[in-house]
C-alpha cells in the first residue's frame, strides 16, 4: 500500500511540475506578445514636431482642452513634414483668428483631436 501511495504521489508531483512549466511558458509568451503589440502601437503613432510646455488657465488653449506635455502632431495645416519653426504656427494662428483649428496631439500614448479657436482674450496672444 505504501508503495502504491508513493508511486501515485510521484505521478501527481510530475503532473503538477508539467502543468506549472506549461503555465510559465504560456505566461512568458503572452508577455512577449503584449510587448510586441505595445511596440507596434507606439510605432504607428505619428511623429510630433512640438510639445506643449505651458497652458494659461482661462485661455483659448485651456478651454479647448489642450494640456501641458501634449505632443503636437498636427496644428491646422502644419505637420511634421512642413514644420520649420514656431513662426509656422504663429502664421496659422493669425490667419485663423475666430475660426476653429483642428489640432492633433499625442497624450499618454494616445492620439487625440482637439478643436482650438484662436481668439483675443484677457491674456497675451491668441492661444494662451
N, C-alpha and C. Protein backbone atom coordinates (compact mmCIF):
# COMPACT_ATOMS: atom_id res chain seq x y z
N UNK A 1 0.81 -1.19 0.00
CA UNK A 1 0.00 0.00 0.00
C UNK A 1 0.86 1.27 0.00
N UNK A 2 1.91 1.25 0.80
CA UNK A 2 2.80 2.41 0.86
C UNK A 2 3.45 2.65 -0.50
N UNK A 3 3.85 1.55 -1.15
CA UNK A 3 4.49 1.70 -2.46
C UNK A 3 3.52 2.27 -3.49
N UNK A 4 2.26 1.81 -3.46
CA UNK A 4 1.26 2.34 -4.38
C UNK A 4 1.04 3.83 -4.13
N UNK A 5 0.95 4.20 -2.86
CA UNK A 5 0.75 5.61 -2.49
C UNK A 5 1.93 6.46 -2.97
N UNK A 6 3.16 5.98 -2.75
CA UNK A 6 4.35 6.71 -3.18
C UNK A 6 4.38 6.88 -4.70
N UNK A 7 4.02 5.83 -5.43
CA UNK A 7 4.01 5.89 -6.89
C UNK A 7 2.96 6.90 -7.38
N UNK A 8 1.79 6.88 -6.77
CA UNK A 8 0.74 7.82 -7.16
C UNK A 8 1.15 9.26 -6.86
N UNK A 9 1.73 9.50 -5.70
CA UNK A 9 2.18 10.84 -5.32
C UNK A 9 3.26 11.34 -6.27
N UNK A 10 4.13 10.43 -6.71
CA UNK A 10 5.18 10.80 -7.65
C UNK A 10 4.56 11.22 -8.99
N UNK A 11 3.52 10.50 -9.45
CA UNK A 11 2.83 10.85 -10.69
C UNK A 11 2.15 12.21 -10.57
N UNK A 12 1.50 12.44 -9.43
CA UNK A 12 0.83 13.72 -9.21
C UNK A 12 1.86 14.85 -9.22
N UNK A 13 2.98 14.63 -8.55
CA UNK A 13 4.04 15.64 -8.49
C UNK A 13 4.56 15.96 -9.89
N UNK A 14 4.82 14.95 -10.70
CA UNK A 14 5.32 15.17 -12.05
C UNK A 14 4.30 15.91 -12.90
N UNK A 15 3.03 15.54 -12.75
CA UNK A 15 1.97 16.22 -13.50
C UNK A 15 1.88 17.70 -13.10
N UNK A 16 2.02 17.97 -11.81
CA UNK A 16 1.99 19.36 -11.34
C UNK A 16 3.17 20.15 -11.90
N UNK A 17 4.36 19.53 -11.93
CA UNK A 17 5.54 20.20 -12.49
C UNK A 17 5.32 20.54 -13.97
N UNK A 18 4.75 19.59 -14.71
CA UNK A 18 4.49 19.82 -16.14
C UNK A 18 3.45 20.92 -16.32
N UNK A 19 2.42 20.89 -15.50
CA UNK A 19 1.37 21.89 -15.58
C UNK A 19 1.93 23.29 -15.34
N UNK A 20 2.73 23.42 -14.29
CA UNK A 20 3.31 24.72 -13.96
C UNK A 20 4.32 25.16 -15.02
N UNK A 21 5.06 24.24 -15.59
CA UNK A 21 6.01 24.58 -16.65
C UNK A 21 5.27 25.12 -17.87
N UNK A 22 4.16 24.46 -18.25
CA UNK A 22 3.37 24.94 -19.39
C UNK A 22 2.78 26.32 -19.10
N UNK A 23 2.30 26.50 -17.89
CA UNK A 23 1.71 27.77 -17.49
C UNK A 23 2.76 28.89 -17.54
N UNK A 24 3.98 28.58 -17.10
CA UNK A 24 5.07 29.56 -17.12
C UNK A 24 5.43 29.93 -18.56
N UNK A 25 5.50 28.93 -19.44
CA UNK A 25 5.79 29.19 -20.85
C UNK A 25 4.70 30.05 -21.48
N UNK A 26 3.45 29.72 -21.15
CA UNK A 26 2.32 30.47 -21.70
C UNK A 26 2.37 31.92 -21.23
N UNK A 27 2.68 32.13 -19.96
CA UNK A 27 2.76 33.48 -19.39
C UNK A 27 3.88 34.27 -20.08
N UNK A 28 5.03 33.66 -20.29
CA UNK A 28 6.16 34.33 -20.96
C UNK A 28 5.78 34.68 -22.40
N UNK A 29 5.09 33.77 -23.06
CA UNK A 29 4.66 34.01 -24.45
C UNK A 29 3.66 35.17 -24.50
N UNK A 30 2.71 35.18 -23.56
CA UNK A 30 1.71 36.26 -23.51
C UNK A 30 2.38 37.61 -23.27
N UNK A 31 3.37 37.64 -22.37
CA UNK A 31 4.09 38.88 -22.10
C UNK A 31 4.83 39.36 -23.34
N UNK A 32 5.47 38.45 -24.05
CA UNK A 32 6.20 38.80 -25.26
C UNK A 32 5.26 39.36 -26.32
N UNK A 33 4.08 38.74 -26.46
CA UNK A 33 3.09 39.23 -27.42
C UNK A 33 2.58 40.61 -27.04
N UNK A 34 2.33 40.83 -25.75
CA UNK A 34 1.85 42.12 -25.29
C UNK A 34 2.90 43.20 -25.53
N UNK A 35 4.17 42.88 -25.29
CA UNK A 35 5.25 43.83 -25.52
C UNK A 35 5.36 44.15 -27.01
N UNK A 36 5.27 43.13 -27.85
CA UNK A 36 5.35 43.35 -29.30
C UNK A 36 4.18 44.22 -29.78
N UNK A 37 3.00 43.98 -29.23
CA UNK A 37 1.84 44.78 -29.60
C UNK A 37 2.01 46.23 -29.17
N UNK A 38 2.52 46.44 -27.96
CA UNK A 38 2.75 47.80 -27.46
C UNK A 38 3.78 48.53 -28.33
N UNK A 39 4.82 47.82 -28.73
CA UNK A 39 5.85 48.42 -29.58
C UNK A 39 5.26 48.81 -30.93
N UNK A 40 4.46 47.94 -31.53
CA UNK A 40 3.89 48.25 -32.84
C UNK A 40 2.89 49.39 -32.73
N UNK A 41 2.19 49.48 -31.60
CA UNK A 41 1.24 50.57 -31.40
C UNK A 41 1.99 51.90 -31.28
N UNK A 42 3.12 51.90 -30.57
CA UNK A 42 3.91 53.12 -30.45
C UNK A 42 4.47 53.54 -31.80
N UNK A 43 4.86 52.57 -32.61
CA UNK A 43 5.41 52.89 -33.92
C UNK A 43 4.34 53.44 -34.84
N UNK A 44 3.09 53.07 -34.63
CA UNK A 44 2.02 53.52 -35.52
C UNK A 44 1.60 54.96 -35.20
N UNK A 45 2.01 55.50 -34.05
CA UNK A 45 1.68 56.88 -33.73
C UNK A 45 2.51 57.82 -34.60
N UNK A 46 1.89 58.88 -35.11
CA UNK A 46 2.64 59.83 -35.94
C UNK A 46 3.69 60.57 -35.09
N UNK A 47 4.66 61.13 -35.77
CA UNK A 47 5.75 61.83 -35.08
C UNK A 47 5.33 63.26 -34.75
N UNK A 48 5.60 63.67 -33.53
CA UNK A 48 5.26 65.02 -33.08
C UNK A 48 6.38 65.99 -33.47
N UNK A 49 6.02 67.27 -33.68
CA UNK A 49 7.03 68.28 -34.01
C UNK A 49 7.17 69.34 -32.93
N UNK A 50 6.26 69.32 -31.94
CA UNK A 50 6.33 70.29 -30.85
C UNK A 50 5.67 69.70 -29.61
N UNK A 51 6.00 70.30 -28.46
CA UNK A 51 5.43 69.84 -27.20
C UNK A 51 4.92 71.04 -26.41
N UNK A 52 3.72 70.91 -25.85
CA UNK A 52 3.13 71.99 -25.07
C UNK A 52 3.83 72.04 -23.71
N UNK A 53 4.42 73.20 -23.37
CA UNK A 53 5.10 73.29 -22.08
C UNK A 53 4.36 74.18 -21.08
N UNK A 54 3.31 74.90 -21.55
CA UNK A 54 2.51 75.71 -20.63
C UNK A 54 1.15 76.01 -21.25
N UNK A 55 0.12 76.01 -20.42
CA UNK A 55 -1.23 76.39 -20.83
C UNK A 55 -1.79 77.31 -19.76
N UNK A 56 -2.13 78.54 -20.15
CA UNK A 56 -2.64 79.51 -19.19
C UNK A 56 -4.11 79.22 -18.90
N UNK A 57 -4.49 79.11 -17.60
CA UNK A 57 -5.90 78.85 -17.26
C UNK A 57 -6.79 79.96 -17.81
N UNK A 58 -7.94 79.57 -18.35
CA UNK A 58 -8.90 80.54 -18.89
C UNK A 58 -8.60 80.96 -20.32
N UNK A 59 -7.51 80.49 -20.89
CA UNK A 59 -7.12 80.87 -22.25
C UNK A 59 -7.86 80.00 -23.28
N UNK A 60 -7.87 80.42 -24.55
CA UNK A 60 -8.49 79.58 -25.59
C UNK A 60 -7.89 78.16 -25.63
N UNK A 61 -6.58 78.03 -25.42
CA UNK A 61 -5.93 76.71 -25.42
C UNK A 61 -6.47 75.86 -24.27
N UNK A 62 -6.61 76.49 -23.09
CA UNK A 62 -7.11 75.77 -21.92
C UNK A 62 -8.56 75.35 -22.11
N UNK A 63 -9.38 76.24 -22.67
CA UNK A 63 -10.79 75.94 -22.89
C UNK A 63 -10.97 74.80 -23.89
N UNK A 64 -10.07 74.73 -24.87
CA UNK A 64 -10.17 73.67 -25.90
C UNK A 64 -9.75 72.31 -25.36
N UNK A 65 -9.07 72.29 -24.21
CA UNK A 65 -8.66 71.02 -23.63
C UNK A 65 -7.20 70.68 -23.84
N UNK A 66 -6.43 71.59 -24.43
CA UNK A 66 -5.00 71.36 -24.60
C UNK A 66 -4.34 71.30 -23.23
N UNK A 67 -3.39 70.39 -23.04
CA UNK A 67 -2.75 70.20 -21.74
C UNK A 67 -1.23 70.24 -21.87
N UNK A 68 -0.58 70.56 -20.75
CA UNK A 68 0.88 70.55 -20.70
C UNK A 68 1.36 69.13 -21.00
N UNK A 69 2.44 69.01 -21.73
CA UNK A 69 3.07 67.75 -22.17
C UNK A 69 2.35 67.09 -23.34
N UNK A 70 1.30 67.72 -23.89
CA UNK A 70 0.72 67.21 -25.14
C UNK A 70 1.77 67.39 -26.23
N UNK A 71 1.93 66.36 -27.06
CA UNK A 71 2.86 66.45 -28.18
C UNK A 71 2.05 66.74 -29.44
N UNK A 72 2.38 67.84 -30.10
CA UNK A 72 1.60 68.28 -31.26
C UNK A 72 2.06 67.56 -32.52
N UNK A 73 1.11 66.90 -33.16
CA UNK A 73 1.37 66.16 -34.39
C UNK A 73 0.92 66.98 -35.59
N UNK A 74 -0.19 67.68 -35.42
CA UNK A 74 -0.75 68.49 -36.49
C UNK A 74 -1.40 69.72 -35.88
N UNK A 75 -1.11 70.89 -36.42
CA UNK A 75 -1.70 72.13 -35.93
C UNK A 75 -2.25 72.87 -37.14
N UNK A 76 -3.55 72.69 -37.40
CA UNK A 76 -4.13 73.25 -38.63
C UNK A 76 -3.47 72.57 -39.82
N UNK A 77 -2.84 73.38 -40.68
CA UNK A 77 -2.17 72.84 -41.86
C UNK A 77 -0.71 72.46 -41.60
N UNK A 78 -0.21 72.78 -40.42
CA UNK A 78 1.20 72.49 -40.09
C UNK A 78 1.33 71.07 -39.55
N UNK A 79 2.25 70.31 -40.12
CA UNK A 79 2.53 68.97 -39.62
C UNK A 79 4.04 68.73 -39.65
N UNK A 80 4.47 67.54 -39.29
CA UNK A 80 5.90 67.24 -39.19
C UNK A 80 6.62 67.41 -40.53
N UNK A 81 5.90 67.25 -41.64
CA UNK A 81 6.53 67.34 -42.96
C UNK A 81 6.81 68.78 -43.40
N UNK A 82 5.98 69.74 -42.96
CA UNK A 82 6.19 71.12 -43.41
C UNK A 82 6.57 72.08 -42.28
N UNK A 83 6.75 71.57 -41.06
CA UNK A 83 7.11 72.42 -39.92
C UNK A 83 8.58 72.82 -40.01
N UNK A 84 8.85 74.14 -39.91
CA UNK A 84 10.23 74.61 -39.89
C UNK A 84 10.58 75.27 -38.57
N UNK A 85 9.67 76.12 -38.07
CA UNK A 85 9.87 76.75 -36.76
C UNK A 85 8.52 77.20 -36.21
N UNK A 86 8.51 77.75 -35.01
CA UNK A 86 7.24 78.14 -34.37
C UNK A 86 6.54 79.27 -35.11
N UNK A 87 7.25 79.97 -35.99
CA UNK A 87 6.62 81.01 -36.79
C UNK A 87 5.54 80.42 -37.69
N UNK A 88 5.72 79.16 -38.11
CA UNK A 88 4.70 78.48 -38.91
C UNK A 88 3.37 78.44 -38.15
N UNK A 89 3.44 78.10 -36.87
CA UNK A 89 2.22 78.01 -36.05
C UNK A 89 1.64 79.40 -35.84
N UNK A 90 2.50 80.40 -35.59
CA UNK A 90 2.03 81.77 -35.38
C UNK A 90 1.27 82.27 -36.62
N UNK A 91 1.77 81.95 -37.79
CA UNK A 91 1.10 82.36 -39.03
C UNK A 91 -0.28 81.73 -39.15
N UNK A 92 -0.36 80.43 -38.88
CA UNK A 92 -1.65 79.73 -38.94
C UNK A 92 -2.62 80.33 -37.93
N UNK A 93 -2.13 80.62 -36.73
CA UNK A 93 -2.99 81.20 -35.67
C UNK A 93 -3.51 82.56 -36.10
N UNK A 94 -2.64 83.42 -36.65
CA UNK A 94 -3.07 84.76 -37.07
C UNK A 94 -4.12 84.70 -38.18
N UNK A 95 -3.97 83.77 -39.11
CA UNK A 95 -4.92 83.65 -40.22
C UNK A 95 -6.20 82.95 -39.80
N UNK A 96 -6.22 82.34 -38.62
CA UNK A 96 -7.39 81.58 -38.18
C UNK A 96 -8.10 82.20 -36.99
N UNK A 97 -7.84 83.47 -36.72
CA UNK A 97 -8.46 84.11 -35.56
C UNK A 97 -9.98 84.05 -35.67
N UNK A 98 -10.62 83.48 -34.63
CA UNK A 98 -12.07 83.35 -34.60
C UNK A 98 -12.61 82.14 -35.34
N UNK A 99 -11.74 81.39 -36.01
CA UNK A 99 -12.17 80.19 -36.73
C UNK A 99 -11.53 78.96 -36.09
N UNK A 100 -12.29 77.88 -35.94
CA UNK A 100 -11.74 76.68 -35.28
C UNK A 100 -10.63 76.03 -36.10
N UNK A 101 -9.60 75.59 -35.40
CA UNK A 101 -8.48 74.85 -35.99
C UNK A 101 -8.53 73.41 -35.49
N UNK A 102 -8.16 72.49 -36.33
CA UNK A 102 -8.04 71.10 -35.90
C UNK A 102 -6.61 70.87 -35.43
N UNK A 103 -6.46 70.48 -34.18
CA UNK A 103 -5.14 70.21 -33.61
C UNK A 103 -5.11 68.74 -33.19
N UNK A 104 -4.11 68.02 -33.68
CA UNK A 104 -3.95 66.61 -33.33
C UNK A 104 -2.76 66.50 -32.39
N UNK A 105 -2.98 65.85 -31.24
CA UNK A 105 -1.92 65.71 -30.24
C UNK A 105 -1.79 64.25 -29.80
N UNK A 106 -0.65 63.94 -29.23
CA UNK A 106 -0.45 62.64 -28.59
C UNK A 106 -0.39 62.91 -27.09
N UNK A 107 -1.32 62.28 -26.36
CA UNK A 107 -1.39 62.45 -24.90
C UNK A 107 -1.44 61.06 -24.28
N UNK A 108 -0.48 60.78 -23.42
CA UNK A 108 -0.41 59.48 -22.73
C UNK A 108 -0.41 58.32 -23.72
N UNK A 109 0.30 58.49 -24.82
CA UNK A 109 0.41 57.41 -25.79
C UNK A 109 -0.78 57.23 -26.71
N UNK A 110 -1.76 58.15 -26.64
CA UNK A 110 -2.94 58.06 -27.48
C UNK A 110 -3.07 59.31 -28.34
N UNK A 111 -3.54 59.10 -29.56
CA UNK A 111 -3.73 60.21 -30.50
C UNK A 111 -5.10 60.83 -30.25
N UNK A 112 -5.14 62.16 -30.06
CA UNK A 112 -6.40 62.87 -29.80
C UNK A 112 -6.54 64.06 -30.74
N UNK A 113 -7.78 64.41 -31.07
CA UNK A 113 -8.07 65.60 -31.87
C UNK A 113 -8.70 66.63 -30.95
N UNK A 114 -8.20 67.86 -31.04
CA UNK A 114 -8.69 68.95 -30.21
C UNK A 114 -9.12 70.08 -31.13
N UNK A 115 -10.30 70.64 -30.89
CA UNK A 115 -10.76 71.80 -31.65
C UNK A 115 -10.33 73.06 -30.92
N UNK A 116 -9.50 73.87 -31.56
CA UNK A 116 -8.94 75.06 -30.92
C UNK A 116 -9.30 76.29 -31.76
N UNK A 117 -9.92 77.28 -31.13
CA UNK A 117 -10.28 78.51 -31.83
C UNK A 117 -9.44 79.66 -31.30
N UNK A 118 -8.44 80.12 -32.07
CA UNK A 118 -7.63 81.26 -31.63
C UNK A 118 -8.49 82.51 -31.56
N UNK A 119 -8.42 83.25 -30.45
CA UNK A 119 -9.20 84.48 -30.32
C UNK A 119 -8.57 85.38 -29.26
N UNK A 120 -8.99 86.63 -29.29
CA UNK A 120 -8.49 87.59 -28.30
C UNK A 120 -9.12 87.27 -26.95
N UNK A 121 -8.32 87.37 -25.89
CA UNK A 121 -8.79 87.10 -24.55
C UNK A 121 -8.05 88.02 -23.59
N UNK A 122 -8.28 87.91 -22.31
CA UNK A 122 -7.68 88.83 -21.33
C UNK A 122 -6.16 88.74 -21.29
N UNK A 123 -5.60 87.60 -21.66
CA UNK A 123 -4.15 87.42 -21.60
C UNK A 123 -3.45 87.75 -22.91
N UNK A 124 -2.17 87.38 -22.95
CA UNK A 124 -1.33 87.69 -24.11
C UNK A 124 -1.55 86.67 -25.23
N UNK A 125 -1.52 87.14 -26.47
CA UNK A 125 -1.61 86.26 -27.63
C UNK A 125 -3.03 85.81 -27.91
N UNK A 126 -3.15 84.87 -28.86
CA UNK A 126 -4.47 84.37 -29.26
C UNK A 126 -4.75 82.95 -28.75
N UNK A 127 -3.73 82.32 -28.14
CA UNK A 127 -3.87 80.94 -27.68
C UNK A 127 -3.79 80.79 -26.17
N UNK A 128 -2.76 81.36 -25.57
CA UNK A 128 -2.53 81.21 -24.13
C UNK A 128 -1.81 79.93 -23.83
